[in-house]
Protein backbone atom coordinates (compact mmCIF):
# COMPACT_ATOMS: atom_id res chain seq x y z
CA UNK A 1 0.00 0.00 0.00
CA UNK A 2 1.38 3.43 -0.85
CA UNK A 3 2.19 6.02 1.78
CA UNK A 4 -0.61 8.47 2.53
CA UNK A 5 -0.19 12.00 1.22
CA UNK A 6 1.33 14.81 3.24
CA UNK A 7 -0.78 17.52 4.81
CA UNK A 8 -1.74 20.22 2.26
CA UNK A 9 -1.31 22.98 4.85
CA UNK A 10 1.86 24.93 3.90
CA UNK A 11 3.20 25.12 7.47
CA UNK A 12 2.73 21.39 8.10
CA UNK A 13 4.41 18.43 6.43
CA UNK A 14 2.95 15.64 8.56
CA UNK A 15 1.51 12.52 6.90
CA UNK A 16 -2.26 12.24 6.85
CA UNK A 17 -4.11 9.24 8.17
CA UNK A 18 -7.37 7.68 7.07
CA UNK A 19 -10.14 8.72 9.46
CA UNK A 20 -12.96 6.15 9.44
CA UNK A 21 -14.89 7.34 12.50
CA UNK A 22 -17.87 8.40 10.36
CA UNK A 23 -18.30 5.21 8.34
CA UNK A 24 -21.45 4.10 10.13
CA UNK A 25 -23.69 4.97 7.17
CA UNK A 26 -21.35 4.31 4.25
CA UNK A 27 -18.27 2.09 4.20
CA UNK A 28 -16.55 4.45 1.77
CA UNK A 29 -17.25 7.58 3.81
CA UNK A 30 -13.78 8.42 5.10
CA UNK A 31 -11.61 11.54 5.28
CA UNK A 32 -7.94 12.40 5.48
CA UNK A 33 -6.99 13.60 8.94
CA UNK A 34 -3.88 15.49 10.06
CA UNK A 35 -3.07 14.92 13.71
CA UNK A 36 -0.73 17.90 13.81
CA UNK A 37 -3.10 20.49 12.29
CA UNK A 38 -6.24 18.79 13.60
CA UNK A 39 -7.97 19.21 10.22
CA UNK A 40 -9.81 16.93 7.80
CA UNK A 41 -9.88 16.79 4.00
CA UNK A 42 -11.99 14.89 1.50
CA UNK A 43 -9.97 12.40 -0.54
CA UNK A 44 -9.78 12.85 -4.30
CA UNK A 45 -11.38 10.28 -6.61
CA UNK A 46 -7.94 8.81 -7.31
CA UNK A 47 -7.19 8.53 -3.59
CA UNK A 48 -10.57 6.88 -2.94
CA UNK A 49 -9.74 4.19 -5.48
CA UNK A 50 -6.13 3.80 -4.33
CA UNK A 51 -6.74 3.67 -0.57
CA UNK A 52 -10.19 2.02 -0.53
CA UNK A 53 -8.96 -1.45 0.34
CA UNK A 54 -6.22 -2.51 2.68
CA UNK A 55 -3.19 -4.55 1.81
CA UNK A 56 -4.16 -7.65 -0.06
CA UNK A 57 -2.63 -10.71 1.50
CA UNK A 58 -2.48 -14.14 -0.05
CA UNK A 59 -5.14 -16.56 1.08
CA UNK A 60 -3.95 -18.87 3.82
CA UNK A 61 -3.65 -22.45 2.70
CA UNK A 62 -4.66 -25.27 4.99
CA UNK A 63 -1.67 -26.74 6.75
CA UNK A 64 -2.93 -30.27 6.38
CA UNK A 65 -5.83 -31.91 4.63
CA UNK A 66 -6.91 -35.36 5.71
CA UNK A 67 -6.69 -37.57 2.59
CA UNK A 68 -9.52 -39.75 3.89
CA UNK A 69 -11.99 -36.88 3.63
CA UNK A 70 -13.05 -36.00 0.07
CA UNK A 71 -12.28 -32.46 -1.02
CA UNK A 72 -15.23 -30.04 -1.07
CA UNK A 73 -15.94 -28.59 -4.48
PDB file of N, CA and C in Angstrom:
ATOM      1  N   UNK A   1       0.853  -1.168   0.000  1.00  0.00           N
ATOM      2  CA  UNK A   1       0.000   0.000   0.000  1.00  0.00           C
ATOM      3  C   UNK A   1       0.899   1.231   0.000  1.00  0.00           C
ATOM      4  N   UNK A   2       0.561   2.221  -0.804  1.00  0.00           N
ATOM      5  CA  UNK A   2       1.383   3.430  -0.853  1.00  0.00           C
ATOM      6  C   UNK A   2       1.256   4.255   0.422  1.00  0.00           C
ATOM      7  N   UNK A   3       2.236   5.115   0.626  1.00  0.00           N
ATOM      8  CA  UNK A   3       2.192   6.017   1.778  1.00  0.00           C
ATOM      9  C   UNK A   3       1.079   7.034   1.589  1.00  0.00           C
ATOM     10  N   UNK A   4       0.413   7.433   2.664  1.00  0.00           N
ATOM     11  CA  UNK A   4      -0.613   8.465   2.531  1.00  0.00           C
ATOM     12  C   UNK A   4       0.031   9.801   2.174  1.00  0.00           C
ATOM     13  N   UNK A   5      -0.757  10.707   1.603  1.00  0.00           N
ATOM     14  CA  UNK A   5      -0.195  12.004   1.222  1.00  0.00           C
ATOM     15  C   UNK A   5       0.178  12.837   2.438  1.00  0.00           C
ATOM     16  N   UNK A   6       0.965  13.868   2.171  1.00  0.00           N
ATOM     17  CA  UNK A   6       1.325  14.807   3.239  1.00  0.00           C
ATOM     18  C   UNK A   6       0.228  15.854   3.376  1.00  0.00           C
ATOM     19  N   UNK A   7       0.214  16.497   4.510  1.00  0.00           N
ATOM     20  CA  UNK A   7      -0.777  17.522   4.811  1.00  0.00           C
ATOM     21  C   UNK A   7      -0.667  18.668   3.800  1.00  0.00           C
ATOM     22  N   UNK A   8      -1.800  19.120   3.230  1.00  0.00           N
ATOM     23  CA  UNK A   8      -1.741  20.218   2.264  1.00  0.00           C
ATOM     24  C   UNK A   8      -1.516  21.594   2.883  1.00  0.00           C
ATOM     25  N   UNK A   9      -1.564  21.700   4.205  1.00  0.00           N
ATOM     26  CA  UNK A   9      -1.306  22.979   4.855  1.00  0.00           C
ATOM     27  C   UNK A   9       0.162  23.347   4.650  1.00  0.00           C
ATOM     28  N   UNK A  10       0.467  24.565   4.183  1.00  0.00           N
ATOM     29  CA  UNK A  10       1.860  24.930   3.895  1.00  0.00           C
ATOM     30  C   UNK A  10       2.802  24.836   5.098  1.00  0.00           C
ATOM     31  N   UNK A  11       2.327  25.128   6.295  1.00  0.00           N
ATOM     32  CA  UNK A  11       3.202  25.124   7.470  1.00  0.00           C
ATOM     33  C   UNK A  11       3.371  23.730   8.073  1.00  0.00           C
ATOM     34  N   UNK A  12       2.695  22.739   7.534  1.00  0.00           N
ATOM     35  CA  UNK A  12       2.733  21.389   8.100  1.00  0.00           C
ATOM     36  C   UNK A  12       3.174  20.405   7.022  1.00  0.00           C
ATOM     37  N   UNK A  13       3.999  19.459   7.395  1.00  0.00           N
ATOM     38  CA  UNK A  13       4.412  18.431   6.431  1.00  0.00           C
ATOM     39  C   UNK A  13       4.174  17.026   6.985  1.00  0.00           C
ATOM     40  N   UNK A  14       3.255  16.918   7.932  1.00  0.00           N
ATOM     41  CA  UNK A  14       2.954  15.636   8.557  1.00  0.00           C
ATOM     42  C   UNK A  14       2.158  14.760   7.590  1.00  0.00           C
ATOM     43  N   UNK A  15       2.291  13.453   7.718  1.00  0.00           N
ATOM     44  CA  UNK A  15       1.513  12.524   6.904  1.00  0.00           C
ATOM     45  C   UNK A  15       0.077  12.470   7.413  1.00  0.00           C
ATOM     46  N   UNK A  16      -0.861  12.352   6.488  1.00  0.00           N
ATOM     47  CA  UNK A  16      -2.264  12.240   6.846  1.00  0.00           C
ATOM     48  C   UNK A  16      -2.590  10.794   7.178  1.00  0.00           C
ATOM     49  N   UNK A  17      -3.643  10.596   7.911  1.00  0.00           N
ATOM     50  CA  UNK A  17      -4.106   9.242   8.174  1.00  0.00           C
ATOM     51  C   UNK A  17      -5.574   9.154   7.822  1.00  0.00           C
ATOM     52  N   UNK A  18      -6.011   7.934   7.533  1.00  0.00           N
ATOM     53  CA  UNK A  18      -7.370   7.682   7.067  1.00  0.00           C
ATOM     54  C   UNK A  18      -8.310   7.638   8.263  1.00  0.00           C
ATOM     55  N   UNK A  19      -9.189   8.624   8.355  1.00  0.00           N
ATOM     56  CA  UNK A  19     -10.141   8.717   9.457  1.00  0.00           C
ATOM     57  C   UNK A  19     -11.431   8.008   9.056  1.00  0.00           C
ATOM     58  N   UNK A  20     -11.753   6.926   9.753  1.00  0.00           N
ATOM     59  CA  UNK A  20     -12.956   6.146   9.440  1.00  0.00           C
ATOM     60  C   UNK A  20     -13.981   6.203  10.571  1.00  0.00           C
ATOM     61  N   UNK A  21     -13.956   7.254  11.368  1.00  0.00           N
ATOM     62  CA  UNK A  21     -14.886   7.336  12.495  1.00  0.00           C
ATOM     63  C   UNK A  21     -16.317   7.593  12.052  1.00  0.00           C
ATOM     64  N   UNK A  22     -16.522   8.091  10.839  1.00  0.00           N
ATOM     65  CA  UNK A  22     -17.870   8.399  10.358  1.00  0.00           C
ATOM     66  C   UNK A  22     -18.332   7.426   9.285  1.00  0.00           C
ATOM     67  N   UNK A  23     -17.925   6.184   9.368  1.00  0.00           N
ATOM     68  CA  UNK A  23     -18.303   5.214   8.342  1.00  0.00           C
ATOM     69  C   UNK A  23     -19.532   4.407   8.725  1.00  0.00           C
ATOM     70  N   UNK A  24     -20.300   4.875   9.691  1.00  0.00           N
ATOM     71  CA  UNK A  24     -21.453   4.096  10.133  1.00  0.00           C
ATOM     72  C   UNK A  24     -22.550   4.030   9.083  1.00  0.00           C
ATOM     73  N   UNK A  25     -22.645   4.997   8.182  1.00  0.00           N
ATOM     74  CA  UNK A  25     -23.691   4.971   7.168  1.00  0.00           C
ATOM     75  C   UNK A  25     -23.181   4.524   5.809  1.00  0.00           C
ATOM     76  N   UNK A  26     -21.911   4.666   5.552  1.00  0.00           N
ATOM     77  CA  UNK A  26     -21.351   4.312   4.252  1.00  0.00           C
ATOM     78  C   UNK A  26     -19.926   3.837   4.452  1.00  0.00           C
ATOM     79  N   UNK A  27     -19.598   2.657   3.978  1.00  0.00           N
ATOM     80  CA  UNK A  27     -18.269   2.088   4.197  1.00  0.00           C
ATOM     81  C   UNK A  27     -17.179   2.891   3.511  1.00  0.00           C
ATOM     82  N   UNK A  28     -17.543   3.671   2.503  1.00  0.00           N
ATOM     83  CA  UNK A  28     -16.546   4.449   1.770  1.00  0.00           C
ATOM     84  C   UNK A  28     -16.564   5.915   2.188  1.00  0.00           C
ATOM     85  N   UNK A  29     -17.119   6.210   3.338  1.00  0.00           N
ATOM     86  CA  UNK A  29     -17.249   7.583   3.811  1.00  0.00           C
ATOM     87  C   UNK A  29     -16.111   7.895   4.777  1.00  0.00           C
ATOM     88  N   UNK A  30     -14.919   8.125   4.248  1.00  0.00           N
ATOM     89  CA  UNK A  30     -13.776   8.419   5.102  1.00  0.00           C
ATOM     90  C   UNK A  30     -13.118   9.717   4.662  1.00  0.00           C
ATOM     91  N   UNK A  31     -12.293  10.269   5.523  1.00  0.00           N
ATOM     92  CA  UNK A  31     -11.609  11.541   5.277  1.00  0.00           C
ATOM     93  C   UNK A  31     -10.132  11.392   5.598  1.00  0.00           C
ATOM     94  N   UNK A  32      -9.337  12.297   5.047  1.00  0.00           N
ATOM     95  CA  UNK A  32      -7.942  12.400   5.475  1.00  0.00           C
ATOM     96  C   UNK A  32      -7.909  13.262   6.719  1.00  0.00           C
ATOM     97  N   UNK A  33      -7.087  12.886   7.672  1.00  0.00           N
ATOM     98  CA  UNK A  33      -6.993  13.600   8.938  1.00  0.00           C
ATOM     99  C   UNK A  33      -5.532  13.900   9.219  1.00  0.00           C
ATOM    100  N   UNK A  34      -5.236  15.121   9.644  1.00  0.00           N
ATOM    101  CA  UNK A  34      -3.884  15.488  10.061  1.00  0.00           C
ATOM    102  C   UNK A  34      -3.900  15.654  11.577  1.00  0.00           C
ATOM    103  N   UNK A  35      -3.126  14.851  12.264  1.00  0.00           N
ATOM    104  CA  UNK A  35      -3.071  14.922  13.713  1.00  0.00           C
ATOM    105  C   UNK A  35      -2.356  16.158  14.216  1.00  0.00           C
ATOM    106  N   UNK A  36      -1.475  16.710  13.408  1.00  0.00           N
ATOM    107  CA  UNK A  36      -0.725  17.904  13.815  1.00  0.00           C
ATOM    108  C   UNK A  36      -1.571  19.170  13.673  1.00  0.00           C
ATOM    109  N   UNK A  37      -2.258  19.305  12.541  1.00  0.00           N
ATOM    110  CA  UNK A  37      -3.099  20.492  12.294  1.00  0.00           C
ATOM    111  C   UNK A  37      -4.506  20.336  12.858  1.00  0.00           C
ATOM    112  N   UNK A  38      -4.903  19.090  13.110  1.00  0.00           N
ATOM    113  CA  UNK A  38      -6.240  18.787  13.597  1.00  0.00           C
ATOM    114  C   UNK A  38      -7.306  19.197  12.581  1.00  0.00           C
ATOM    115  N   UNK A  39      -7.041  18.883  11.294  1.00  0.00           N
ATOM    116  CA  UNK A  39      -7.975  19.210  10.221  1.00  0.00           C
ATOM    117  C   UNK A  39      -8.271  17.965   9.400  1.00  0.00           C
ATOM    118  N   UNK A  40      -9.405  18.025   8.682  1.00  0.00           N
ATOM    119  CA  UNK A  40      -9.814  16.934   7.805  1.00  0.00           C
ATOM    120  C   UNK A  40      -9.935  17.427   6.377  1.00  0.00           C
ATOM    121  N   UNK A  41      -9.706  16.502   5.418  1.00  0.00           N
ATOM    122  CA  UNK A  41      -9.878  16.793   4.003  1.00  0.00           C
ATOM    123  C   UNK A  41     -10.579  15.629   3.339  1.00  0.00           C
ATOM    124  N   UNK A  42     -11.375  15.943   2.310  1.00  0.00           N
ATOM    125  CA  UNK A  42     -11.992  14.894   1.505  1.00  0.00           C
ATOM    126  C   UNK A  42     -10.931  14.303   0.580  1.00  0.00           C
ATOM    127  N   UNK A  43     -10.911  12.995   0.409  1.00  0.00           N
ATOM    128  CA  UNK A  43      -9.968  12.405  -0.537  1.00  0.00           C
ATOM    129  C   UNK A  43     -10.423  12.655  -1.974  1.00  0.00           C
ATOM    130  N   UNK A  44      -9.458  12.708  -2.880  1.00  0.00           N
ATOM    131  CA  UNK A  44      -9.782  12.848  -4.297  1.00  0.00           C
ATOM    132  C   UNK A  44     -10.318  11.513  -4.813  1.00  0.00           C
ATOM    133  N   UNK A  45     -10.862  11.523  -6.015  1.00  0.00           N
ATOM    134  CA  UNK A  45     -11.381  10.283  -6.610  1.00  0.00           C
ATOM    135  C   UNK A  45     -10.269   9.254  -6.779  1.00  0.00           C
ATOM    136  N   UNK A  46      -9.079   9.720  -7.160  1.00  0.00           N
ATOM    137  CA  UNK A  46      -7.944   8.806  -7.312  1.00  0.00           C
ATOM    138  C   UNK A  46      -7.541   8.206  -5.968  1.00  0.00           C
ATOM    139  N   UNK A  47      -7.550   9.020  -4.918  1.00  0.00           N
ATOM    140  CA  UNK A  47      -7.189   8.527  -3.587  1.00  0.00           C
ATOM    141  C   UNK A  47      -8.242   7.558  -3.055  1.00  0.00           C
ATOM    142  N   UNK A  48      -9.519   7.815  -3.358  1.00  0.00           N
ATOM    143  CA  UNK A  48     -10.566   6.881  -2.943  1.00  0.00           C
ATOM    144  C   UNK A  48     -10.313   5.502  -3.540  1.00  0.00           C
ATOM    145  N   UNK A  49      -9.982   5.469  -4.821  1.00  0.00           N
ATOM    146  CA  UNK A  49      -9.736   4.186  -5.479  1.00  0.00           C
ATOM    147  C   UNK A  49      -8.458   3.539  -4.965  1.00  0.00           C
ATOM    148  N   UNK A  50      -7.432   4.338  -4.731  1.00  0.00           N
ATOM    149  CA  UNK A  50      -6.128   3.797  -4.332  1.00  0.00           C
ATOM    150  C   UNK A  50      -6.111   3.302  -2.888  1.00  0.00           C
ATOM    151  N   UNK A  51      -6.795   3.998  -1.994  1.00  0.00           N
ATOM    152  CA  UNK A  51      -6.744   3.675  -0.570  1.00  0.00           C
ATOM    153  C   UNK A  51      -8.025   3.016  -0.055  1.00  0.00           C
ATOM    154  N   UNK A  52      -8.914   2.613  -0.947  1.00  0.00           N
ATOM    155  CA  UNK A  52     -10.188   2.023  -0.527  1.00  0.00           C
ATOM    156  C   UNK A  52      -9.987   0.726   0.240  1.00  0.00           C
ATOM    157  N   UNK A  53      -9.181  -0.156  -0.287  1.00  0.00           N
ATOM    158  CA  UNK A  53      -8.956  -1.451   0.342  1.00  0.00           C
ATOM    159  C   UNK A  53      -7.608  -1.466   1.038  1.00  0.00           C
ATOM    160  N   UNK A  54      -7.493  -2.348   1.991  1.00  0.00           N
ATOM    161  CA  UNK A  54      -6.223  -2.505   2.685  1.00  0.00           C
ATOM    162  C   UNK A  54      -5.254  -3.333   1.860  1.00  0.00           C
ATOM    163  N   UNK A  55      -4.197  -3.743   2.481  1.00  0.00           N
ATOM    164  CA  UNK A  55      -3.195  -4.548   1.807  1.00  0.00           C
ATOM    165  C   UNK A  55      -3.791  -5.914   1.508  1.00  0.00           C
ATOM    166  N   UNK A  56      -3.627  -6.337   0.282  1.00  0.00           N
ATOM    167  CA  UNK A  56      -4.158  -7.653  -0.063  1.00  0.00           C
ATOM    168  C   UNK A  56      -3.117  -8.710   0.283  1.00  0.00           C
ATOM    169  N   UNK A  57      -3.521  -9.625   1.080  1.00  0.00           N
ATOM    170  CA  UNK A  57      -2.629 -10.707   1.497  1.00  0.00           C
ATOM    171  C   UNK A  57      -3.041 -11.988   0.788  1.00  0.00           C
ATOM    172  N   UNK A  58      -2.098 -12.877   0.569  1.00  0.00           N
ATOM    173  CA  UNK A  58      -2.479 -14.145  -0.051  1.00  0.00           C
ATOM    174  C   UNK A  58      -3.379 -14.944   0.876  1.00  0.00           C
ATOM    175  N   UNK A  59      -4.241 -15.737   0.275  1.00  0.00           N
ATOM    176  CA  UNK A  59      -5.142 -16.564   1.085  1.00  0.00           C
ATOM    177  C   UNK A  59      -4.348 -17.618   1.828  1.00  0.00           C
ATOM    178  N   UNK A  60      -4.669 -17.825   3.074  1.00  0.00           N
ATOM    179  CA  UNK A  60      -3.953 -18.868   3.816  1.00  0.00           C
ATOM    180  C   UNK A  60      -4.360 -20.250   3.308  1.00  0.00           C
ATOM    181  N   UNK A  61      -3.381 -21.081   3.126  1.00  0.00           N
ATOM    182  CA  UNK A  61      -3.649 -22.447   2.695  1.00  0.00           C
ATOM    183  C   UNK A  61      -3.769 -23.327   3.925  1.00  0.00           C
ATOM    184  N   UNK A  62      -4.576 -24.377   3.835  1.00  0.00           N
ATOM    185  CA  UNK A  62      -4.658 -25.274   4.986  1.00  0.00           C
ATOM    186  C   UNK A  62      -3.325 -25.974   5.195  1.00  0.00           C
ATOM    187  N   UNK A  63      -2.952 -26.113   6.437  1.00  0.00           N
ATOM    188  CA  UNK A  63      -1.669 -26.737   6.751  1.00  0.00           C
ATOM    189  C   UNK A  63      -1.699 -28.221   6.430  1.00  0.00           C
ATOM    190  N   UNK A  64      -2.845 -28.827   6.605  1.00  0.00           N
ATOM    191  CA  UNK A  64      -2.932 -30.266   6.382  1.00  0.00           C
ATOM    192  C   UNK A  64      -4.361 -30.617   6.017  1.00  0.00           C
ATOM    193  N   UNK A  65      -4.512 -31.430   5.006  1.00  0.00           N
ATOM    194  CA  UNK A  65      -5.834 -31.913   4.632  1.00  0.00           C
ATOM    195  C   UNK A  65      -5.839 -33.423   4.777  1.00  0.00           C
ATOM    196  N   UNK A  66      -6.796 -33.922   5.485  1.00  0.00           N
ATOM    197  CA  UNK A  66      -6.914 -35.358   5.711  1.00  0.00           C
ATOM    198  C   UNK A  66      -7.267 -36.039   4.390  1.00  0.00           C
ATOM    199  N   UNK A  67      -6.423 -36.933   3.888  1.00  0.00           N
ATOM    200  CA  UNK A  67      -6.691 -37.568   2.591  1.00  0.00           C
ATOM    201  C   UNK A  67      -7.901 -38.502   2.623  1.00  0.00           C
ATOM    202  N   UNK A  68      -8.356 -38.862   3.790  1.00  0.00           N
ATOM    203  CA  UNK A  68      -9.517 -39.747   3.886  1.00  0.00           C
ATOM    204  C   UNK A  68     -10.821 -39.005   3.652  1.00  0.00           C
ATOM    205  N   UNK A  69     -10.786 -37.688   3.811  1.00  0.00           N
ATOM    206  CA  UNK A  69     -11.990 -36.880   3.635  1.00  0.00           C
ATOM    207  C   UNK A  69     -11.977 -36.324   2.217  1.00  0.00           C
ATOM    208  N   UNK A  70     -13.051 -36.531   1.440  1.00  0.00           N
ATOM    209  CA  UNK A  70     -13.054 -36.000   0.072  1.00  0.00           C
ATOM    210  C   UNK A  70     -13.040 -34.469   0.079  1.00  0.00           C
ATOM    211  N   UNK A  71     -12.377 -33.919  -0.906  1.00  0.00           N
ATOM    212  CA  UNK A  71     -12.285 -32.463  -1.019  1.00  0.00           C
ATOM    213  C   UNK A  71     -13.649 -31.884  -1.361  1.00  0.00           C
ATOM    214  N   UNK A  72     -13.971 -30.732  -0.764  1.00  0.00           N
ATOM    215  CA  UNK A  72     -15.227 -30.040  -1.069  1.00  0.00           C
ATOM    216  C   UNK A  72     -15.049 -29.247  -2.346  1.00  0.00           C
ATOM    217  N   UNK A  73     -16.020 -29.346  -3.219  1.00  0.00           N
ATOM    218  CA  UNK A  73     -15.939 -28.592  -4.484  1.00  0.00           C
ATOM    219  C   UNK A  73     -17.190 -27.822  -4.732  1.00  0.00           C
TER     220      UNK A  73
END
